[in-house]
Amino acid sequence: MLIIHYSQVPVPVPVPVPVPVPVPVPVPVPVPSLATLSSFPRACLLACLLALLSFQTSHYLVLVSTLSSTQAEAEAQLKPQT
């Protein structure tokens, strides 16, 4: 009877081949500061851009309609009351 130690038997070890994975490039998103928030159309554009990046199209359309209504309300409040 022949006894073979496992340490003497060469066992083929599968070597993992590195597969190139496409890495998503992070888009630099500017953080809205007080100066950006004071000018409302810029903040609206920033919010629309963020909505484009993060939401689906239907949610984006709902958000744009809400933003346009709030922008109209904000402009109406900014006008001097006569």
PDB file of N, CA and C in Angstrom:
ATOM      1  N   MET A   1       0.866  -1.188   0.000  1.00  0.00           N
ATOM      2  CA  MET A   1       0.000   0.000   0.000  1.00  0.00           C
ATOM      3  C   MET A   1       0.899   1.233   0.000  1.00  0.00           C
ATOM      4  N   LEU A   2       0.591   2.126  -0.925  1.00  0.00           N
ATOM      5  CA  LEU A   2       1.425   3.318  -1.115  1.00  0.00           C
ATOM      6  C   LEU A   2       0.751   4.522  -0.461  1.00  0.00           C
ATOM      7  N   ILE A   3       1.466   5.212   0.401  1.00  0.00           N
ATOM      8  CA  ILE A   3       0.926   6.384   1.097  1.00  0.00           C
ATOM      9  C   ILE A   3       1.582   7.622   0.506  1.00  0.00           C
ATOM     10  N   ILE A   4       0.769   8.518  -0.010  1.00  0.00           N
ATOM     11  CA  ILE A   4       1.282   9.758  -0.605  1.00  0.00           C
ATOM     12  C   ILE A   4       0.843  10.912   0.274  1.00  0.00           C
ATOM     13  N   HIS A   5       1.809  11.675   0.731  1.00  0.00           N
ATOM     14  CA  HIS A   5       1.485  12.861   1.517  1.00  0.00           C
ATOM     15  C   HIS A   5       0.986  13.953   0.576  1.00  0.00           C
ATOM     16  N   TYR A   6       0.001  14.716   1.050  1.00  0.00           N
ATOM     17  CA  TYR A   6      -0.576  15.769   0.209  1.00  0.00           C
ATOM     18  C   TYR A   6       0.420  16.881  -0.070  1.00  0.00           C
ATOM     19  N   SER A   7       1.379  17.029   0.778  1.00  0.00           N
ATOM     20  CA  SER A   7       2.348  18.100   0.563  1.00  0.00           C
ATOM     21  C   SER A   7       3.274  17.793  -0.607  1.00  0.00           C
ATOM     22  N   GLN A   8       3.374  16.538  -1.002  1.00  0.00           N
ATOM     23  CA  GLN A   8       4.257  16.168  -2.097  1.00  0.00           C
ATOM     24  C   GLN A   8       3.542  16.193  -3.443  1.00  0.00           C
ATOM     25  N   VAL A   9       2.221  16.171  -3.434  1.00  0.00           N
ATOM     26  CA  VAL A   9       1.469  16.165  -4.688  1.00  0.00           C
ATOM     27  C   VAL A   9       1.252  17.599  -5.132  1.00  0.00           C
ATOM     28  N   PRO A  10       1.721  17.955  -6.343  1.00  0.00           N
ATOM     29  CA  PRO A  10       1.479  19.325  -6.818  1.00  0.00           C
ATOM     30  C   PRO A  10       0.014  19.530  -7.183  1.00  0.00           C
ATOM     31  N   VAL A  11      -0.621  20.439  -6.499  1.00  0.00           N
ATOM     32  CA  VAL A  11      -2.037  20.739  -6.753  1.00  0.00           C
ATOM     33  C   VAL A  11      -2.099  22.020  -7.570  1.00  0.00           C
ATOM     34  N   PRO A  12      -2.733  21.972  -8.742  1.00  0.00           N
ATOM     35  CA  PRO A  12      -2.831  23.203  -9.541  1.00  0.00           C
ATOM     36  C   PRO A  12      -3.756  24.219  -8.877  1.00  0.00           C
ATOM     37  N   VAL A  13      -3.202  25.369  -8.570  1.00  0.00           N
ATOM     38  CA  VAL A  13      -3.981  26.435  -7.932  1.00  0.00           C
ATOM     39  C   VAL A  13      -4.424  27.401  -9.023  1.00  0.00           C
ATOM     40  N   PRO A  14      -5.722  27.644  -9.159  1.00  0.00           N
ATOM     41  CA  PRO A  14      -6.178  28.594 -10.190  1.00  0.00           C
ATOM     42  C   PRO A  14      -5.761  30.019  -9.845  1.00  0.00           C
ATOM     43  N   VAL A  15      -5.044  30.624 -10.766  1.00  0.00           N
ATOM     44  CA  VAL A  15      -4.580  31.996 -10.555  1.00  0.00           C
ATOM     45  C   VAL A  15      -5.641  32.940 -11.112  1.00  0.00           C
ATOM     46  N   PRO A  16      -6.175  33.844 -10.297  1.00  0.00           N
ATOM     47  CA  PRO A  16      -7.188  34.779 -10.807  1.00  0.00           C
ATOM     48  C   PRO A  16      -6.569  35.768 -11.791  1.00  0.00           C
ATOM     49  N   VAL A  17      -7.151  35.811 -12.977  1.00  0.00           N
ATOM     50  CA  VAL A  17      -6.677  36.743 -14.001  1.00  0.00           C
ATOM     51  C   VAL A  17      -7.404  38.066 -13.802  1.00  0.00           C
ATOM     52  N   PRO A  18      -6.685  39.169 -13.657  1.00  0.00           N
ATOM     53  CA  PRO A  18      -7.361  40.463 -13.468  1.00  0.00           C
ATOM     54  C   PRO A  18      -8.113  40.887 -14.724  1.00  0.00           C
ATOM     55  N   VAL A  19      -9.411  41.077 -14.564  1.00  0.00           N
ATOM     56  CA  VAL A  19     -10.259  41.508 -15.673  1.00  0.00           C
ATOM     57  C   VAL A  19     -10.452  43.010 -15.553  1.00  0.00           C
ATOM     58  N   PRO A  20     -10.195  43.759 -16.626  1.00  0.00           N
ATOM     59  CA  PRO A  20     -10.397  45.212 -16.531  1.00  0.00           C
ATOM     60  C   PRO A  20     -11.873  45.558 -16.383  1.00  0.00           C
ATOM     61  N   VAL A  21     -12.191  46.199 -15.279  1.00  0.00           N
ATOM     62  CA  VAL A  21     -13.574  46.586 -14.986  1.00  0.00           C
ATOM     63  C   VAL A  21     -13.707  48.084 -15.227  1.00  0.00           C
ATOM     64  N   PRO A  22     -14.707  48.512 -16.000  1.00  0.00           N
ATOM     65  CA  PRO A  22     -14.879  49.956 -16.212  1.00  0.00           C
ATOM     66  C   PRO A  22     -15.276  50.655 -14.922  1.00  0.00           C
ATOM     67  N   VAL A  23     -14.439  51.575 -14.488  1.00  0.00           N
ATOM     68  CA  VAL A  23     -14.687  52.302 -13.238  1.00  0.00           C
ATOM     69  C   VAL A  23     -15.422  53.594 -13.570  1.00  0.00           C
ATOM     70  N   PRO A  24     -16.572  53.859 -12.946  1.00  0.00           N
ATOM     71  CA  PRO A  24     -17.273  55.118 -13.215  1.00  0.00           C
ATOM     72  C   PRO A  24     -16.479  56.308 -12.700  1.00  0.00           C
ATOM     73  N   VAL A  25     -16.332  57.294 -13.563  1.00  0.00           N
ATOM     74  CA  VAL A  25     -15.564  58.482 -13.195  1.00  0.00           C
ATOM     75  C   VAL A  25     -16.447  59.383 -12.337  1.00  0.00           C
ATOM     76  N   PRO A  26     -16.011  59.748 -11.137  1.00  0.00           N
ATOM     77  CA  PRO A  26     -16.840  60.616 -10.295  1.00  0.00           C
ATOM     78  C   PRO A  26     -16.929  62.023 -10.875  1.00  0.00           C
ATOM     79  N   VAL A  27     -18.160  62.508 -10.990  1.00  0.00           N
ATOM     80  CA  VAL A  27     -18.386  63.849 -11.518  1.00  0.00           C
ATOM     81  C   VAL A  27     -18.334  64.831 -10.354  1.00  0.00           C
ATOM     82  N   PRO A  28     -17.488  65.845 -10.425  1.00  0.00           N
ATOM     83  CA  PRO A  28     -17.438  66.811  -9.323  1.00  0.00           C
ATOM     84  C   PRO A  28     -18.712  67.649  -9.273  1.00  0.00           C
ATOM     85  N   VAL A  29     -19.429  67.541  -8.173  1.00  0.00           N
ATOM     86  CA  VAL A  29     -20.676  68.290  -7.998  1.00  0.00           C
ATOM     87  C   VAL A  29     -20.386  69.463  -7.069  1.00  0.00           C
ATOM     88  N   PRO A  30     -20.606  70.687  -7.526  1.00  0.00           N
ATOM     89  CA  PRO A  30     -20.344  71.831  -6.653  1.00  0.00           C
ATOM     90  C   PRO A  30     -21.351  71.895  -5.514  1.00  0.00           C
ATOM     91  N   VAL A  31     -20.843  72.117  -4.329  1.00  0.00           N
ATOM     92  CA  VAL A  31     -21.714  72.223  -3.157  1.00  0.00           C
ATOM     93  C   VAL A  31     -22.314  73.625  -3.133  1.00  0.00           C
ATOM     94  N   PRO A  32     -23.642  73.729  -3.048  1.00  0.00           N
ATOM     95  CA  PRO A  32     -24.248  75.059  -3.066  1.00  0.00           C
ATOM     96  C   PRO A  32     -23.886  75.850  -1.815  1.00  0.00           C
ATOM     97  N   SER A  33     -23.249  76.981  -2.017  1.00  0.00           N
ATOM     98  CA  SER A  33     -22.896  77.840  -0.891  1.00  0.00           C
ATOM     99  C   SER A  33     -23.984  78.902  -0.725  1.00  0.00           C
ATOM    100  N   LEU A  34     -23.761  79.818   0.201  1.00  0.00           N
ATOM    101  CA  LEU A  34     -24.746  80.880   0.415  1.00  0.00           C
ATOM    102  C   LEU A  34     -24.823  81.804  -0.788  1.00  0.00           C
ATOM    103  N   ALA A  35     -23.682  82.014  -1.468  1.00  0.00           N
ATOM    104  CA  ALA A  35     -23.701  82.873  -2.652  1.00  0.00           C
ATOM    105  C   ALA A  35     -24.484  82.223  -3.783  1.00  0.00           C
ATOM    106  N   THR A  36     -24.396  80.895  -3.891  1.00  0.00           N
ATOM    107  CA  THR A  36     -25.156  80.215  -4.946  1.00  0.00           C
ATOM    108  C   THR A  36     -26.638  80.210  -4.615  1.00  0.00           C
ATOM    109  N   LEU A  37     -26.957  80.056  -3.336  1.00  0.00           N
ATOM    110  CA  LEU A  37     -28.361  79.997  -2.961  1.00  0.00           C
ATOM    111  C   LEU A  37     -29.026  81.366  -3.023  1.00  0.00           C
ATOM    112  N   SER A  38     -28.222  82.432  -2.905  1.00  0.00           N
ATOM    113  CA  SER A  38     -28.828  83.758  -2.967  1.00  0.00           C
ATOM    114  C   SER A  38     -29.293  84.072  -4.387  1.00  0.00           C
ATOM    115  N   SER A  39     -28.567  83.586  -5.383  1.00  0.00           N
ATOM    116  CA  SER A  39     -29.044  83.733  -6.761  1.00  0.00           C
ATOM    117  C   SER A  39     -29.859  82.492  -7.094  1.00  0.00           C
ATOM    118  N   PHE A  40     -31.164  82.649  -7.165  1.00  0.00           N
ATOM    119  CA  PHE A  40     -32.054  81.491  -7.236  1.00  0.00           C
ATOM    120  C   PHE A  40     -31.949  80.707  -8.538  1.00  0.00           C
ATOM    121  N   PRO A  41     -31.825  81.353  -9.731  1.00  0.00           N
ATOM    122  CA  PRO A  41     -31.743  80.545 -10.960  1.00  0.00           C
ATOM    123  C   PRO A  41     -30.529  79.621 -10.986  1.00  0.00           C
ATOM    124  N   ARG A  42     -29.409  80.046 -10.375  1.00  0.00           N
ATOM    125  CA  ARG A  42     -28.237  79.185 -10.327  1.00  0.00           C
ATOM    126  C   ARG A  42     -28.510  77.954  -9.472  1.00  0.00           C
ATOM    127  N   ALA A  43     -29.169  78.167  -8.356  1.00  0.00           N
ATOM    128  CA  ALA A  43     -29.515  77.030  -7.498  1.00  0.00           C
ATOM    129  C   ALA A  43     -30.518  76.116  -8.198  1.00  0.00           C
ATOM    130  N   CYS A  44     -31.412  76.711  -8.985  1.00  0.00           N
ATOM    131  CA  CYS A  44     -32.378  75.912  -9.741  1.00  0.00           C
ATOM    132  C   CYS A  44     -31.658  75.058 -10.778  1.00  0.00           C
ATOM    133  N   LEU A  45     -30.674  75.661 -11.463  1.00  0.00           N
ATOM    134  CA  LEU A  45     -29.901  74.902 -12.443  1.00  0.00           C
ATOM    135  C   LEU A  45     -29.131  73.777 -11.769  1.00  0.00           C
ATOM    136  N   LEU A  46     -28.580  74.052 -10.602  1.00  0.00           N
ATOM    137  CA  LEU A  46     -27.839  73.028  -9.874  1.00  0.00           C
ATOM    138  C   LEU A  46     -28.763  71.889  -9.453  1.00  0.00           C
ATOM    139  N   ALA A  47     -29.946  72.241  -8.980  1.00  0.00           N
ATOM    140  CA  ALA A  47     -30.899  71.209  -8.572  1.00  0.00           C
ATOM    141  C   ALA A  47     -31.363  70.392  -9.771  1.00  0.00           C
ATOM    142  N   CYS A  48     -31.542  71.061 -10.911  1.00  0.00           N
ATOM    143  CA  CYS A  48     -31.943  70.332 -12.117  1.00  0.00           C
ATOM    144  C   CYS A  48     -30.834  69.384 -12.562  1.00  0.00           C
ATOM    145  N   LEU A  49     -29.585  69.823 -12.446  1.00  0.00           N
ATOM    146  CA  LEU A  49     -28.461  68.964 -12.816  1.00  0.00           C
ATOM    147  C   LEU A  49     -28.372  67.757 -11.885  1.00  0.00           C
ATOM    148  N   LEU A  50     -28.559  68.003 -10.598  1.00  0.00           N
ATOM    149  CA  LEU A  50     -28.543  66.895  -9.646  1.00  0.00           C
ATOM    150  C   LEU A  50     -29.704  65.942  -9.899  1.00  0.00           C
ATOM    151  N   ALA A  51     -30.847  66.499 -10.281  1.00  0.00           N
ATOM    152  CA  ALA A  51     -31.994  65.651 -10.579  1.00  0.00           C
ATOM    153  C   ALA A  51     -31.726  64.799 -11.818  1.00  0.00           C
ATOM    154  N   LEU A  52     -31.058  65.386 -12.810  1.00  0.00           N
ATOM    155  CA  LEU A  52     -30.708  64.623 -14.003  1.00  0.00           C
ATOM    156  C   LEU A  52     -29.784  63.468 -13.655  1.00  0.00           C
ATOM    157  N   LEU A  53     -28.859  63.714 -12.742  1.00  0.00           N
ATOM    158  CA  LEU A  53     -27.884  62.678 -12.419  1.00  0.00           C
ATOM    159  C   LEU A  53     -28.492  61.570 -11.576  1.00  0.00           C
ATOM    160  N   SER A  54     -29.431  61.901 -10.703  1.00  0.00           N
ATOM    161  CA  SER A  54     -29.832  60.917  -9.701  1.00  0.00           C
ATOM    162  C   SER A  54     -31.233  60.342  -9.911  1.00  0.00           C
ATOM    163  N   PHE A  55     -32.111  61.043 -10.601  1.00  0.00           N
ATOM    164  CA  PHE A  55     -33.487  60.566 -10.692  1.00  0.00           C
ATOM    165  C   PHE A  55     -33.768  59.946 -12.049  1.00  0.00           C
ATOM    166  N   GLN A  56     -34.862  59.234 -12.134  1.00  0.00           N
ATOM    167  CA  GLN A  56     -35.324  58.747 -13.426  1.00  0.00           C
ATOM    168  C   GLN A  56     -36.019  59.890 -14.153  1.00  0.00           C
ATOM    169  N   THR A  57     -36.380  59.639 -15.412  1.00  0.00           N
ATOM    170  CA  THR A  57     -36.911  60.719 -16.242  1.00  0.00           C
ATOM    171  C   THR A  57     -38.260  61.213 -15.729  1.00  0.00           C
ATOM    172  N   SER A  58     -39.110  60.306 -15.290  1.00  0.00           N
ATOM    173  CA  SER A  58     -40.428  60.736 -14.811  1.00  0.00           C
ATOM    174  C   SER A  58     -40.297  61.575 -13.545  1.00  0.00           C
ATOM    175  N   HIS A  59     -39.437  61.127 -12.638  1.00  0.00           N
ATOM    176  CA  HIS A  59     -39.218  61.904 -11.412  1.00  0.00           C
ATOM    177  C   HIS A  59     -38.604  63.260 -11.750  1.00  0.00           C
ATOM    178  N   TYR A  60     -37.733  63.268 -12.764  1.00  0.00           N
ATOM    179  CA  TYR A  60     -37.091  64.520 -13.168  1.00  0.00           C
ATOM    180  C   TYR A  60     -38.129  65.506 -13.702  1.00  0.00           C
ATOM    181  N   LEU A  61     -39.086  65.007 -14.495  1.00  0.00           N
ATOM    182  CA  LEU A  61     -40.106  65.904 -15.043  1.00  0.00           C
ATOM    183  C   LEU A  61     -40.981  66.471 -13.931  1.00  0.00           C
ATOM    184  N   VAL A  62     -41.322  65.634 -12.957  1.00  0.00           N
ATOM    185  CA  VAL A  62     -42.122  66.110 -11.824  1.00  0.00           C
ATOM    186  C   VAL A  62     -41.347  67.162 -11.044  1.00  0.00           C
ATOM    187  N   LEU A  63     -40.042  66.914 -10.858  1.00  0.00           N
ATOM    188  CA  LEU A  63     -39.216  67.851 -10.098  1.00  0.00           C
ATOM    189  C   LEU A  63     -39.076  69.178 -10.823  1.00  0.00           C
ATOM    190  N   VAL A  64     -38.917  69.122 -12.152  1.00  0.00           N
ATOM    191  CA  VAL A  64     -38.775  70.362 -12.920  1.00  0.00           C
ATOM    192  C   VAL A  64     -40.061  71.176 -12.855  1.00  0.00           C
ATOM    193  N   SER A  65     -41.215  70.501 -12.936  1.00  0.00           N
ATOM    194  CA  SER A  65     -42.471  71.242 -12.846  1.00  0.00           C
ATOM    195  C   SER A  65     -42.625  71.877 -11.464  1.00  0.00           C
ATOM    196  N   THR A  66     -42.211  71.159 -10.417  1.00  0.00           N
ATOM    197  CA  THR A  66     -42.282  71.742  -9.074  1.00  0.00           C
ATOM    198  C   THR A  66     -41.314  72.899  -8.934  1.00  0.00           C
ATOM    199  N   LEU A  67     -40.102  72.740  -9.488  1.00  0.00           N
ATOM    200  CA  LEU A  67     -39.105  73.804  -9.377  1.00  0.00           C
ATOM    201  C   LEU A  67     -39.548  75.047 -10.132  1.00  0.00           C
ATOM    202  N   SER A  68     -40.154  74.859 -11.313  1.00  0.00           N
ATOM    203  CA  SER A  68     -40.577  76.035 -12.074  1.00  0.00           C
ATOM    204  C   SER A  68     -41.695  76.771 -11.343  1.00  0.00           C
ATOM    205  N   SER A  69     -42.597  76.033 -10.690  1.00  0.00           N
ATOM    206  CA  SER A  69     -43.662  76.709  -9.941  1.00  0.00           C
ATOM    207  C   SER A  69     -43.085  77.431  -8.722  1.00  0.00           C
ATOM    208  N   THR A  70     -42.123  76.806  -8.039  1.00  0.00           N
ATOM    209  CA  THR A  70     -41.533  77.485  -6.883  1.00  0.00           C
ATOM    210  C   THR A  70     -40.696  78.677  -7.317  1.00  0.00           C
ATOM    211  N   GLN A  71     -40.079  78.596  -8.503  1.00  0.00           N
ATOM    212  CA  GLN A  71     -39.314  79.747  -8.981  1.00  0.00           C
ATOM    213  C   GLN A  71     -40.254  80.908  -9.289  1.00  0.00           C
ATOM    214  N   ALA A  72     -41.419  80.619  -9.875  1.00  0.00           N
ATOM    215  CA  ALA A  72     -42.385  81.679 -10.154  1.00  0.00           C
ATOM    216  C   ALA A  72     -42.874  82.309  -8.847  1.00  0.00           C
ATOM    217  N   GLU A  73     -43.109  81.473  -7.832  1.00  0.00           N
ATOM    218  CA  GLU A  73     -43.538  82.011  -6.539  1.00  0.00           C
ATOM    219  C   GLU A  73     -42.437  82.862  -5.906  1.00  0.00           C
ATOM    220  N   ALA A  74     -41.196  82.409  -6.017  1.00  0.00           N
ATOM    221  CA  ALA A  74     -40.091  83.166  -5.424  1.00  0.00           C
ATOM    222  C   ALA A  74     -39.900  84.502  -6.134  1.00  0.00           C
ATOM    223  N   GLU A  75     -40.047  84.506  -7.466  1.00  0.00           N
ATOM    224  CA  GLU A  75     -39.915  85.770  -8.190  1.00  0.00           C
ATOM    225  C   GLU A  75     -41.067  86.711  -7.853  1.00  0.00           C
ATOM    226  N   ALA A  76     -42.256  86.147  -7.630  1.00  0.00           N
ATOM    227  CA  ALA A  76     -43.386  86.988  -7.243  1.00  0.00           C
ATOM    228  C   ALA A  76     -43.162  87.589  -5.856  1.00  0.00           C
ATOM    229  N   GLN A  77     -42.513  86.836  -4.962  1.00  0.00           N
ATOM    230  CA  GLN A  77     -42.232  87.371  -3.628  1.00  0.00           C
ATOM    231  C   GLN A  77     -41.112  88.404  -3.669  1.00  0.00           C
ATOM    232  N   LEU A  78     -40.181  88.261  -4.637  1.00  0.00           N
ATOM    233  CA  LEU A  78     -39.060  89.194  -4.701  1.00  0.00           C
ATOM    234  C   LEU A  78     -39.472  90.554  -5.267  1.00  0.00           C
ATOM    235  N   LYS A  79     -40.555  90.581  -6.053  1.00  0.00           N
ATOM    236  CA  LYS A  79     -40.987  91.855  -6.630  1.00  0.00           C
ATOM    237  C   LYS A  79     -41.492  92.772  -5.523  1.00  0.00           C
ATOM    238  N   PRO A  80     -41.149  94.049  -5.587  1.00  0.00           N
ATOM    239  CA  PRO A  80     -41.621  94.974  -4.539  1.00  0.00           C
ATOM    240  C   PRO A  80     -43.134  95.140  -4.600  1.00  0.00           C
ATOM    241  N   GLN A  81     -43.732  95.070  -3.443  1.00  0.00           N
ATOM    242  CA  GLN A  81     -45.183  95.221  -3.362  1.00  0.00           C
ATOM    243  C   GLN A  81     -45.546  96.695  -3.542  1.00  0.00           C
ATOM    244  N   THR A  82     -46.397  96.964  -4.528  1.00  0.00           N
ATOM    245  CA  THR A  82     -46.800  98.364  -4.783  1.00  0.00           C
ATOM    246  C   THR A  82     -48.245  98.563  -4.386  1.00  0.00           C
TER     247      THR A  82
END
